[in-house]
Amino acid sequence: MKVDSLVQDFLAQKKIAVVGVSDKRETGCNLAYDNFKKNGYQVYAVNPRIGTFKGETCYPDLKSVPEKPDAVFILANPKVTEQIVQQCVDLGIKHVWMHCMMGTKPGLAAGMTSVSPAAVEMCKANGIEIIPGSCPNQFLTPDFGHGMMRGLWRLLGFLNVAN
């Protein structure tokens, strides 16, 4: 399955929690937070180590967000991804996107991924639509670099998702 239809479904959601924002350095997660906001989404920052992010409340976990997010984007250690997906199951959240710099091919970027095979299976077992890799920054008004990555990953077949 191509990632495009999954991305369309994810981006059709209105309230998105962004897990893994950082106040220590600029990250792809911070850029995703900014891009979701710029594109009109209600965005919630999630990181248990910080209380505010860009002047807004940063929540320690999904259960602390004042209204249930429609979707969750995760850029964190795969072990954290498993915890976040369990929270999605508990809250009934049905759309999850796990970041991976190298598209959606398993194992391509072991040190640069938030994808956890166990979390992917947990999503599938609980009816959660999952994008196991890639990056929303390649789809939300992408900058030159993200646009190039999207084109290259598409050309190389890295944007296909196993069912």
Protein backbone atom coordinates (compact mmCIF):
# COMPACT_ATOMS: atom_id res chain seq x y z
CA MET A 1 0.00 0.00 0.00
CA LYS A 2 1.30 3.46 -0.84
CA VAL A 3 1.68 5.84 2.04
CA ASP A 4 -0.30 8.60 0.25
CA SER A 5 -3.76 7.33 1.23
CA LEU A 6 -2.64 6.80 4.84
CA VAL A 7 -1.20 10.32 4.87
CA GLN A 8 -4.45 11.75 3.48
CA ASP A 9 -6.43 10.04 6.24
CA PHE A 10 -3.99 11.23 8.92
CA LEU A 11 -3.97 14.81 7.64
CA ALA A 12 -7.79 14.84 7.53
CA GLN A 13 -7.72 14.80 11.35
CA LYS A 14 -7.95 18.18 13.10
CA LYS A 15 -6.38 17.70 16.56
CA ILE A 16 -2.86 16.29 16.52
CA ALA A 17 -0.56 15.47 19.42
CA VAL A 18 3.14 15.79 18.55
CA VAL A 19 5.22 13.55 20.82
CA GLY A 20 8.92 14.30 21.23
CA VAL A 21 9.21 18.07 20.89
CA SER A 22 12.45 19.49 22.30
CA ASP A 23 13.39 22.73 24.02
CA LYS A 24 17.12 21.87 23.81
CA ARG A 25 17.58 21.91 20.02
CA GLU A 26 15.66 22.25 16.79
CA THR A 27 14.39 18.86 15.66
CA GLY A 28 12.22 17.39 12.94
CA CYS A 29 9.57 16.97 15.62
CA ASN A 30 9.63 20.70 16.36
CA LEU A 31 9.35 21.39 12.62
CA ALA A 32 6.37 19.02 12.38
CA TYR A 33 4.71 20.85 15.31
CA ASP A 34 5.25 24.17 13.51
CA ASN A 35 4.03 22.80 10.17
CA PHE A 36 0.86 21.32 11.66
CA LYS A 37 0.14 24.67 13.36
CA LYS A 38 0.89 26.64 10.18
CA ASN A 39 -1.53 24.40 8.28
CA GLY A 40 -4.41 25.07 10.68
CA TYR A 41 -4.34 22.06 12.98
CA GLN A 42 -4.99 22.17 16.73
CA VAL A 43 -1.60 20.89 17.94
CA TYR A 44 -0.59 19.58 21.36
CA ALA A 45 3.08 19.27 22.34
CA VAL A 46 3.96 16.17 24.38
CA ASN A 47 7.20 15.64 26.30
CA PRO A 48 7.33 14.64 30.00
CA ARG A 49 10.55 16.62 30.56
CA ILE A 50 9.22 20.10 29.72
CA GLY A 51 6.22 22.09 30.91
CA THR A 52 5.96 24.59 28.08
CA PHE A 53 6.86 24.54 24.41
CA LYS A 54 6.90 27.70 22.27
CA GLY A 55 4.86 29.49 24.92
CA GLU A 56 2.15 26.83 25.17
CA THR A 57 1.55 23.99 27.60
CA CYS A 58 3.57 20.87 26.91
CA TYR A 59 1.86 17.77 28.26
CA PRO A 60 3.69 14.86 29.93
CA ASP A 61 1.61 12.22 28.10
CA LEU A 62 -1.45 11.82 25.90
CA LYS A 63 -3.76 11.27 28.87
CA SER A 64 -2.92 14.79 30.10
CA VAL A 65 -3.98 16.54 26.88
CA PRO A 66 -7.22 18.44 27.67
CA GLU A 67 -9.16 17.03 24.69
CA LYS A 68 -8.52 13.71 23.02
CA PRO A 69 -6.32 14.12 19.94
CA ASP A 70 -7.62 12.70 16.66
CA ALA A 71 -4.12 11.63 15.67
CA VAL A 72 -0.61 11.30 17.13
CA PHE A 73 2.76 11.93 15.48
CA ILE A 74 5.72 10.35 17.30
CA LEU A 75 9.39 11.24 16.98
CA ALA A 76 10.96 9.45 19.94
CA ASN A 77 12.89 6.36 20.93
CA PRO A 78 11.05 3.19 19.77
CA LYS A 79 10.62 2.13 23.43
CA VAL A 80 8.75 5.41 24.04
CA THR A 81 6.71 4.73 20.89
CA GLU A 82 5.39 1.53 22.48
CA GLN A 83 4.27 3.46 25.59
CA ILE A 84 2.59 6.14 23.45
CA VAL A 85 0.78 3.56 21.32
CA GLN A 86 -0.53 1.91 24.50
CA GLN A 87 -1.91 5.32 25.52
CA CYS A 88 -3.52 5.62 22.05
CA VAL A 89 -5.17 2.22 22.58
CA ASP A 90 -6.39 3.28 26.04
CA LEU A 91 -7.77 6.59 24.73
CA GLY A 92 -9.29 5.23 21.53
CA ILE A 93 -7.04 7.28 19.21
CA LYS A 94 -7.20 5.72 15.72
CA HIS A 95 -4.38 7.44 13.75
CA VAL A 96 -0.65 7.13 14.56
CA TRP A 97 2.38 8.24 12.56
CA MET A 98 5.81 6.99 13.68
CA HIS A 99 8.69 9.02 12.23
CA CYS A 100 11.53 7.43 10.30
CA MET A 101 14.01 9.44 8.27
CA MET A 102 14.31 6.74 5.59
CA GLY A 103 10.70 6.22 4.54
CA THR A 104 8.75 3.14 5.55
CA LYS A 105 11.11 0.27 4.72
CA PRO A 106 11.77 -1.64 7.98
CA GLY A 107 15.38 -1.76 9.12
CA LEU A 108 16.74 0.94 6.80
CA ALA A 109 17.53 3.46 9.51
CA ALA A 110 17.75 1.59 12.80
CA GLY A 111 19.35 4.56 14.59
CA MET A 112 17.04 7.17 13.03
CA THR A 113 13.61 5.75 13.61
CA SER A 114 10.73 5.94 16.05
CA VAL A 115 9.18 2.83 14.53
CA SER A 116 8.80 -0.10 16.92
CA PRO A 117 7.67 -3.38 15.34
CA ALA A 118 5.84 -4.23 18.59
CA ALA A 119 4.04 -0.86 18.51
CA VAL A 120 3.11 -1.37 14.85
CA GLU A 121 1.59 -4.75 15.74
CA MET A 122 -0.23 -3.18 18.70
CA CYS A 123 -1.74 -0.60 16.31
CA LYS A 124 -2.87 -3.27 13.86
CA ALA A 125 -4.36 -5.43 16.63
CA ASN A 126 -6.35 -2.45 17.94
CA GLY A 127 -7.68 -1.01 14.68
CA ILE A 128 -5.32 1.98 14.66
CA GLU A 129 -4.37 3.27 11.21
CA ILE A 130 -0.57 3.37 11.28
CA ILE A 131 2.05 5.11 9.18
CA PRO A 132 5.23 3.26 10.19
CA GLY A 133 7.83 5.71 8.95
CA SER A 134 8.38 8.73 6.73
CA CYS A 135 7.73 12.25 8.02
CA PRO A 136 4.83 14.71 7.88
CA ASN A 137 7.33 17.44 6.94
CA GLN A 138 7.54 15.73 3.53
CA PHE A 139 3.80 16.27 3.01
CA LEU A 140 2.85 19.52 4.82
CA THR A 141 4.12 22.28 2.52
CA PRO A 142 7.57 20.64 2.39
CA ASP A 143 10.77 22.68 2.33
CA PHE A 144 13.26 21.87 -0.44
CA GLY A 145 15.04 19.13 1.52
CA HIS A 146 11.88 17.35 2.63
CA GLY A 147 10.43 17.63 -0.88
CA MET A 148 13.58 16.04 -2.30
CA MET A 149 13.45 13.22 0.28
CA ARG A 150 9.81 12.52 -0.56
CA GLY A 151 10.61 12.32 -4.28
CA LEU A 152 13.67 10.13 -3.73
CA TRP A 153 11.92 7.77 -1.28
CA ARG A 154 8.99 7.47 -3.73
CA LEU A 155 11.38 6.70 -6.61
CA LEU A 156 13.21 4.06 -4.55
CA GLY A 157 9.97 2.50 -3.31
CA PHE A 158 10.57 3.51 0.31
CA LEU A 159 7.04 4.94 0.68
CA ASN A 160 5.20 1.62 0.41
CA VAL A 161 3.67 0.24 3.58
CA ALA A 162 3.36 -3.48 4.26
CA ASN A 163 -0.15 -4.51 5.30
